[in-house]
N, C-alpha and C. Protein backbone atom coordinates (compact mmCIF):
# COMPACT_ATOMS: atom_id res chain seq x y z
N MET A 1 9.76 -5.02 -20.16
CA MET A 1 8.56 -4.96 -19.35
C MET A 1 7.85 -3.63 -19.59
N THR A 2 6.54 -3.72 -19.67
CA THR A 2 5.75 -2.52 -19.90
C THR A 2 5.43 -1.84 -18.57
N LEU A 3 4.80 -0.70 -18.67
CA LEU A 3 4.41 0.05 -17.48
C LEU A 3 3.40 -0.74 -16.64
N PHE A 4 2.49 -1.45 -17.31
CA PHE A 4 1.51 -2.27 -16.58
C PHE A 4 2.20 -3.40 -15.81
N ASP A 5 3.22 -3.97 -16.39
CA ASP A 5 3.95 -5.03 -15.71
C ASP A 5 4.66 -4.50 -14.46
N TRP A 6 5.29 -3.35 -14.58
CA TRP A 6 5.94 -2.75 -13.41
C TRP A 6 4.93 -2.39 -12.33
N TYR A 7 3.79 -1.86 -12.74
CA TYR A 7 2.72 -1.56 -11.79
C TYR A 7 2.29 -2.83 -11.05
N SER A 8 2.12 -3.91 -11.79
CA SER A 8 1.71 -5.17 -11.18
C SER A 8 2.76 -5.68 -10.20
N VAL A 9 4.02 -5.59 -10.58
CA VAL A 9 5.09 -6.04 -9.68
C VAL A 9 5.10 -5.23 -8.40
N VAL A 10 4.96 -3.92 -8.51
CA VAL A 10 4.97 -3.06 -7.32
C VAL A 10 3.77 -3.36 -6.42
N MET A 11 2.60 -3.48 -7.01
CA MET A 11 1.40 -3.72 -6.21
C MET A 11 1.42 -5.09 -5.52
N VAL A 12 1.82 -6.12 -6.25
CA VAL A 12 1.87 -7.45 -5.64
C VAL A 12 2.94 -7.50 -4.55
N THR A 13 4.06 -6.81 -4.77
CA THR A 13 5.09 -6.75 -3.73
C THR A 13 4.58 -6.04 -2.48
N LEU A 14 3.85 -4.95 -2.66
CA LEU A 14 3.23 -4.28 -1.52
C LEU A 14 2.24 -5.20 -0.81
N GLY A 15 1.47 -5.95 -1.57
CA GLY A 15 0.52 -6.89 -0.98
C GLY A 15 1.21 -7.96 -0.17
N VAL A 16 2.30 -8.50 -0.69
CA VAL A 16 3.05 -9.52 0.05
C VAL A 16 3.64 -8.91 1.33
N PHE A 17 4.11 -7.67 1.23
CA PHE A 17 4.64 -7.00 2.43
C PHE A 17 3.57 -6.90 3.52
N PHE A 18 2.35 -6.53 3.16
CA PHE A 18 1.30 -6.41 4.16
C PHE A 18 0.86 -7.77 4.69
N PHE A 19 0.88 -8.81 3.84
CA PHE A 19 0.59 -10.15 4.33
C PHE A 19 1.62 -10.58 5.38
N VAL A 20 2.88 -10.32 5.09
CA VAL A 20 3.95 -10.67 6.04
C VAL A 20 3.80 -9.85 7.32
N ALA A 21 3.46 -8.57 7.19
CA ALA A 21 3.26 -7.73 8.38
C ALA A 21 2.11 -8.26 9.24
N GLY A 22 1.04 -8.74 8.61
CA GLY A 22 -0.06 -9.33 9.37
C GLY A 22 0.35 -10.59 10.09
N CYS A 23 1.18 -11.40 9.45
CA CYS A 23 1.67 -12.63 10.10
C CYS A 23 2.59 -12.30 11.27
N VAL A 24 3.42 -11.28 11.11
CA VAL A 24 4.29 -10.86 12.21
C VAL A 24 3.44 -10.33 13.37
N GLY A 25 2.39 -9.58 13.05
CA GLY A 25 1.50 -9.09 14.10
C GLY A 25 0.81 -10.22 14.83
N LEU A 26 0.42 -11.26 14.09
CA LEU A 26 -0.19 -12.43 14.73
C LEU A 26 0.79 -13.11 15.66
N TRP A 27 2.02 -13.14 15.28
CA TRP A 27 3.04 -13.82 16.06
C TRP A 27 3.50 -12.99 17.26
N ARG A 28 3.58 -11.67 17.12
CA ARG A 28 4.20 -10.83 18.12
C ARG A 28 3.24 -10.20 19.13
N PHE A 29 2.01 -9.89 18.73
CA PHE A 29 1.12 -9.19 19.66
C PHE A 29 0.70 -10.09 20.80
N PRO A 30 0.50 -9.52 22.00
CA PRO A 30 0.29 -10.34 23.18
C PRO A 30 -1.13 -10.89 23.34
N ASP A 31 -2.14 -10.14 22.96
CA ASP A 31 -3.50 -10.60 23.27
C ASP A 31 -4.29 -10.86 21.99
N GLU A 32 -5.42 -11.52 22.16
CA GLU A 32 -6.22 -11.97 21.03
C GLU A 32 -6.77 -10.81 20.20
N LEU A 33 -7.22 -9.76 20.85
CA LEU A 33 -7.82 -8.66 20.13
C LEU A 33 -6.81 -7.92 19.26
N SER A 34 -5.61 -7.74 19.76
CA SER A 34 -4.56 -7.11 18.95
C SER A 34 -4.18 -8.00 17.77
N LYS A 35 -4.16 -9.29 17.99
CA LYS A 35 -3.84 -10.22 16.90
C LYS A 35 -4.91 -10.18 15.82
N LEU A 36 -6.17 -10.15 16.24
CA LEU A 36 -7.27 -10.05 15.28
C LEU A 36 -7.19 -8.75 14.49
N HIS A 37 -6.87 -7.67 15.17
CA HIS A 37 -6.76 -6.37 14.50
C HIS A 37 -5.64 -6.39 13.46
N ALA A 38 -4.50 -6.95 13.83
CA ALA A 38 -3.37 -7.01 12.90
C ALA A 38 -3.72 -7.85 11.68
N LEU A 39 -4.37 -8.98 11.90
CA LEU A 39 -4.71 -9.85 10.77
C LEU A 39 -5.73 -9.23 9.84
N THR A 40 -6.80 -8.69 10.39
CA THR A 40 -7.85 -8.18 9.52
C THR A 40 -7.39 -6.95 8.75
N LYS A 41 -6.70 -6.05 9.38
CA LYS A 41 -6.26 -4.83 8.69
C LYS A 41 -5.18 -5.14 7.65
N ALA A 42 -4.15 -5.83 8.06
CA ALA A 42 -3.03 -6.07 7.15
C ALA A 42 -3.40 -7.02 6.02
N ASP A 43 -4.14 -8.05 6.32
CA ASP A 43 -4.48 -9.02 5.27
C ASP A 43 -5.46 -8.43 4.26
N ASN A 44 -6.41 -7.63 4.71
CA ASN A 44 -7.32 -6.99 3.75
C ASN A 44 -6.58 -6.00 2.86
N LEU A 45 -5.67 -5.25 3.44
CA LEU A 45 -4.88 -4.32 2.65
C LEU A 45 -3.95 -5.07 1.70
N GLY A 46 -3.34 -6.16 2.19
CA GLY A 46 -2.48 -6.96 1.33
C GLY A 46 -3.23 -7.58 0.17
N LEU A 47 -4.40 -8.11 0.44
CA LEU A 47 -5.21 -8.68 -0.64
C LEU A 47 -5.64 -7.61 -1.62
N GLY A 48 -5.94 -6.42 -1.12
CA GLY A 48 -6.31 -5.32 -2.01
C GLY A 48 -5.18 -4.95 -2.95
N PHE A 49 -3.96 -4.87 -2.44
CA PHE A 49 -2.83 -4.57 -3.30
C PHE A 49 -2.58 -5.68 -4.32
N VAL A 50 -2.72 -6.93 -3.90
CA VAL A 50 -2.53 -8.04 -4.84
C VAL A 50 -3.59 -7.98 -5.93
N VAL A 51 -4.84 -7.75 -5.56
CA VAL A 51 -5.91 -7.66 -6.56
C VAL A 51 -5.66 -6.50 -7.51
N LEU A 52 -5.28 -5.34 -6.97
CA LEU A 52 -5.00 -4.19 -7.83
C LEU A 52 -3.80 -4.43 -8.74
N GLY A 53 -2.88 -5.28 -8.30
CA GLY A 53 -1.75 -5.63 -9.14
C GLY A 53 -2.07 -6.65 -10.21
N VAL A 54 -3.04 -7.51 -9.94
CA VAL A 54 -3.39 -8.56 -10.90
C VAL A 54 -4.39 -8.06 -11.94
N ILE A 55 -5.20 -7.08 -11.60
CA ILE A 55 -6.24 -6.59 -12.51
C ILE A 55 -5.69 -6.18 -13.88
N PRO A 56 -4.57 -5.44 -13.98
CA PRO A 56 -4.09 -5.09 -15.33
C PRO A 56 -3.63 -6.30 -16.15
N GLN A 57 -3.41 -7.43 -15.51
CA GLN A 57 -2.90 -8.61 -16.21
C GLN A 57 -4.01 -9.53 -16.71
N VAL A 58 -5.24 -9.32 -16.26
CA VAL A 58 -6.33 -10.20 -16.70
C VAL A 58 -6.78 -9.80 -18.10
N GLY A 59 -7.38 -10.74 -18.79
CA GLY A 59 -7.75 -10.50 -20.17
C GLY A 59 -9.07 -9.81 -20.37
N GLU A 60 -10.01 -10.03 -19.47
CA GLU A 60 -11.36 -9.50 -19.69
C GLU A 60 -11.83 -8.70 -18.48
N VAL A 61 -12.79 -7.85 -18.72
CA VAL A 61 -13.35 -7.00 -17.67
C VAL A 61 -14.10 -7.85 -16.64
N THR A 62 -14.75 -8.91 -17.08
CA THR A 62 -15.50 -9.75 -16.14
C THR A 62 -14.57 -10.41 -15.14
N ASP A 63 -13.36 -10.76 -15.57
CA ASP A 63 -12.39 -11.34 -14.64
C ASP A 63 -11.96 -10.31 -13.59
N ALA A 64 -11.77 -9.07 -14.03
CA ALA A 64 -11.40 -8.01 -13.09
C ALA A 64 -12.53 -7.76 -12.09
N ILE A 65 -13.76 -7.78 -12.57
CA ILE A 65 -14.91 -7.58 -11.67
C ILE A 65 -15.00 -8.72 -10.67
N GLN A 66 -14.73 -9.95 -11.13
CA GLN A 66 -14.74 -11.09 -10.21
C GLN A 66 -13.68 -10.93 -9.12
N LEU A 67 -12.50 -10.46 -9.49
CA LEU A 67 -11.46 -10.24 -8.49
C LEU A 67 -11.90 -9.20 -7.46
N LEU A 68 -12.52 -8.13 -7.91
CA LEU A 68 -13.00 -7.11 -6.98
C LEU A 68 -14.11 -7.63 -6.07
N VAL A 69 -15.00 -8.45 -6.63
CA VAL A 69 -16.08 -9.04 -5.81
C VAL A 69 -15.49 -9.99 -4.76
N ILE A 70 -14.48 -10.76 -5.15
CA ILE A 70 -13.84 -11.66 -4.19
C ILE A 70 -13.18 -10.86 -3.08
N TRP A 71 -12.53 -9.75 -3.44
CA TRP A 71 -11.89 -8.91 -2.43
C TRP A 71 -12.92 -8.36 -1.45
N VAL A 72 -14.04 -7.88 -1.95
CA VAL A 72 -15.09 -7.35 -1.08
C VAL A 72 -15.67 -8.46 -0.20
N ALA A 73 -15.86 -9.65 -0.77
CA ALA A 73 -16.39 -10.77 0.02
C ALA A 73 -15.43 -11.16 1.14
N VAL A 74 -14.14 -11.17 0.85
CA VAL A 74 -13.16 -11.51 1.88
C VAL A 74 -13.13 -10.44 2.97
N MET A 75 -13.25 -9.17 2.59
CA MET A 75 -13.29 -8.11 3.61
C MET A 75 -14.52 -8.24 4.50
N LEU A 76 -15.68 -8.52 3.91
CA LEU A 76 -16.89 -8.69 4.71
C LEU A 76 -16.81 -9.91 5.61
N ALA A 77 -16.31 -11.02 5.07
CA ALA A 77 -16.17 -12.23 5.89
C ALA A 77 -15.18 -12.02 7.02
N GLY A 78 -14.09 -11.34 6.75
CA GLY A 78 -13.11 -11.06 7.79
C GLY A 78 -13.67 -10.17 8.88
N ALA A 79 -14.45 -9.17 8.48
CA ALA A 79 -15.04 -8.28 9.47
C ALA A 79 -16.05 -9.01 10.35
N VAL A 80 -16.87 -9.85 9.75
CA VAL A 80 -17.88 -10.60 10.51
C VAL A 80 -17.21 -11.60 11.45
N CYS A 81 -16.23 -12.33 10.95
CA CYS A 81 -15.54 -13.32 11.80
C CYS A 81 -14.79 -12.64 12.95
N CYS A 82 -14.14 -11.53 12.65
CA CYS A 82 -13.42 -10.81 13.69
C CYS A 82 -14.38 -10.27 14.74
N TYR A 83 -15.53 -9.77 14.31
CA TYR A 83 -16.53 -9.28 15.26
C TYR A 83 -17.03 -10.42 16.15
N LEU A 84 -17.32 -11.56 15.55
CA LEU A 84 -17.83 -12.68 16.35
C LEU A 84 -16.79 -13.18 17.35
N LEU A 85 -15.54 -13.28 16.92
CA LEU A 85 -14.49 -13.72 17.84
C LEU A 85 -14.25 -12.70 18.94
N ALA A 86 -14.24 -11.42 18.57
CA ALA A 86 -13.98 -10.38 19.57
C ALA A 86 -15.14 -10.23 20.54
N SER A 87 -16.37 -10.48 20.09
CA SER A 87 -17.51 -10.33 21.00
C SER A 87 -17.56 -11.45 22.03
N HIS A 88 -16.92 -12.57 21.75
CA HIS A 88 -16.88 -13.67 22.72
C HIS A 88 -15.63 -13.63 23.59
N THR A 89 -14.77 -12.68 23.34
CA THR A 89 -13.58 -12.52 24.18
C THR A 89 -13.81 -11.30 25.04
N ARG A 90 -14.09 -11.53 26.28
CA ARG A 90 -14.37 -10.44 27.21
C ARG A 90 -13.12 -10.21 28.07
N VAL A 91 -12.76 -8.97 28.24
CA VAL A 91 -11.63 -8.64 29.09
C VAL A 91 -12.14 -8.40 30.50
N GLN A 92 -11.50 -9.00 31.48
CA GLN A 92 -11.91 -8.81 32.86
C GLN A 92 -11.62 -7.39 33.31
N PRO A 93 -12.38 -6.89 34.31
CA PRO A 93 -12.21 -5.51 34.76
C PRO A 93 -10.81 -5.19 35.25
N GLY A 94 -10.06 -6.17 35.71
CA GLY A 94 -8.70 -5.92 36.21
C GLY A 94 -7.72 -5.57 35.12
N GLY A 95 -8.08 -5.74 33.86
CA GLY A 95 -7.18 -5.41 32.77
C GLY A 95 -6.39 -6.61 32.31
N ALA A 96 -5.19 -6.34 31.88
CA ALA A 96 -4.36 -7.37 31.27
C ALA A 96 -3.63 -8.19 32.33
N HIS A 97 -3.19 -9.36 31.93
CA HIS A 97 -2.37 -10.21 32.79
C HIS A 97 -0.97 -9.63 32.90
N SER A 98 -0.15 -10.26 33.70
CA SER A 98 1.22 -9.79 33.84
C SER A 98 2.01 -9.96 32.55
N ASP A 99 1.63 -10.91 31.71
CA ASP A 99 2.33 -11.10 30.44
C ASP A 99 1.78 -10.20 29.34
N GLY A 100 0.80 -9.36 29.66
CA GLY A 100 0.25 -8.42 28.68
C GLY A 100 -0.95 -8.94 27.92
N GLY A 101 -1.32 -10.19 28.13
CA GLY A 101 -2.45 -10.75 27.40
C GLY A 101 -3.77 -10.50 28.10
N CYS A 102 -4.84 -10.58 27.37
CA CYS A 102 -6.17 -10.42 27.94
C CYS A 102 -6.72 -11.78 28.33
N LYS A 103 -7.43 -11.82 29.41
CA LYS A 103 -8.01 -13.07 29.87
C LYS A 103 -9.48 -13.10 29.50
N PRO A 104 -9.92 -14.10 28.74
CA PRO A 104 -11.33 -14.19 28.40
C PRO A 104 -12.16 -14.46 29.65
N ASN A 105 -13.32 -13.84 29.71
CA ASN A 105 -14.21 -14.03 30.84
C ASN A 105 -15.53 -14.55 30.28
N PHE A 106 -15.68 -15.85 30.25
CA PHE A 106 -16.86 -16.46 29.66
C PHE A 106 -18.01 -16.60 30.66
N GLU A 107 -17.76 -16.32 31.93
CA GLU A 107 -18.80 -16.47 32.93
C GLU A 107 -19.89 -15.40 32.77
N GLU A 108 -19.53 -14.20 32.28
CA GLU A 108 -20.49 -13.11 32.17
C GLU A 108 -21.39 -13.24 30.95
N GLN A 109 -21.07 -14.11 30.05
CA GLN A 109 -21.85 -14.22 28.81
C GLN A 109 -23.15 -14.97 29.07
N THR A 110 -24.19 -14.49 28.47
CA THR A 110 -25.46 -15.18 28.54
C THR A 110 -25.87 -15.60 27.14
N HIS A 111 -26.49 -16.73 27.05
CA HIS A 111 -26.92 -17.25 25.77
C HIS A 111 -28.44 -17.37 25.71
N ASP A 112 -29.15 -16.37 26.28
CA ASP A 112 -30.60 -16.40 26.35
C ASP A 112 -31.26 -15.63 25.22
N ARG A 113 -30.60 -15.49 24.11
CA ARG A 113 -31.12 -14.65 23.01
C ARG A 113 -32.27 -15.24 22.36
């Protein structure tokens, strides 16, 4: 194995680790906002490591550029989706429930835009 192959193995392994960490965060965190935070941060970082690990293995520069564009598009889509979901999840003034989760408060939202 060459140095590029070892680099790819290390980067893809790091990416898989962060994907698994994001899934564990989704499973373990109590409220929706913490789950969204774990998914967007860990999955974007995991995808970045996978892309950086795959780039030395592609044959052409255009393929590497396509991988980077896909990574940027996924980061932007994740940020927009997370923002939209989080903006519709309102935490009540009393704080968290007894189980640690946040209770959505849809009564305060207005749709008169």
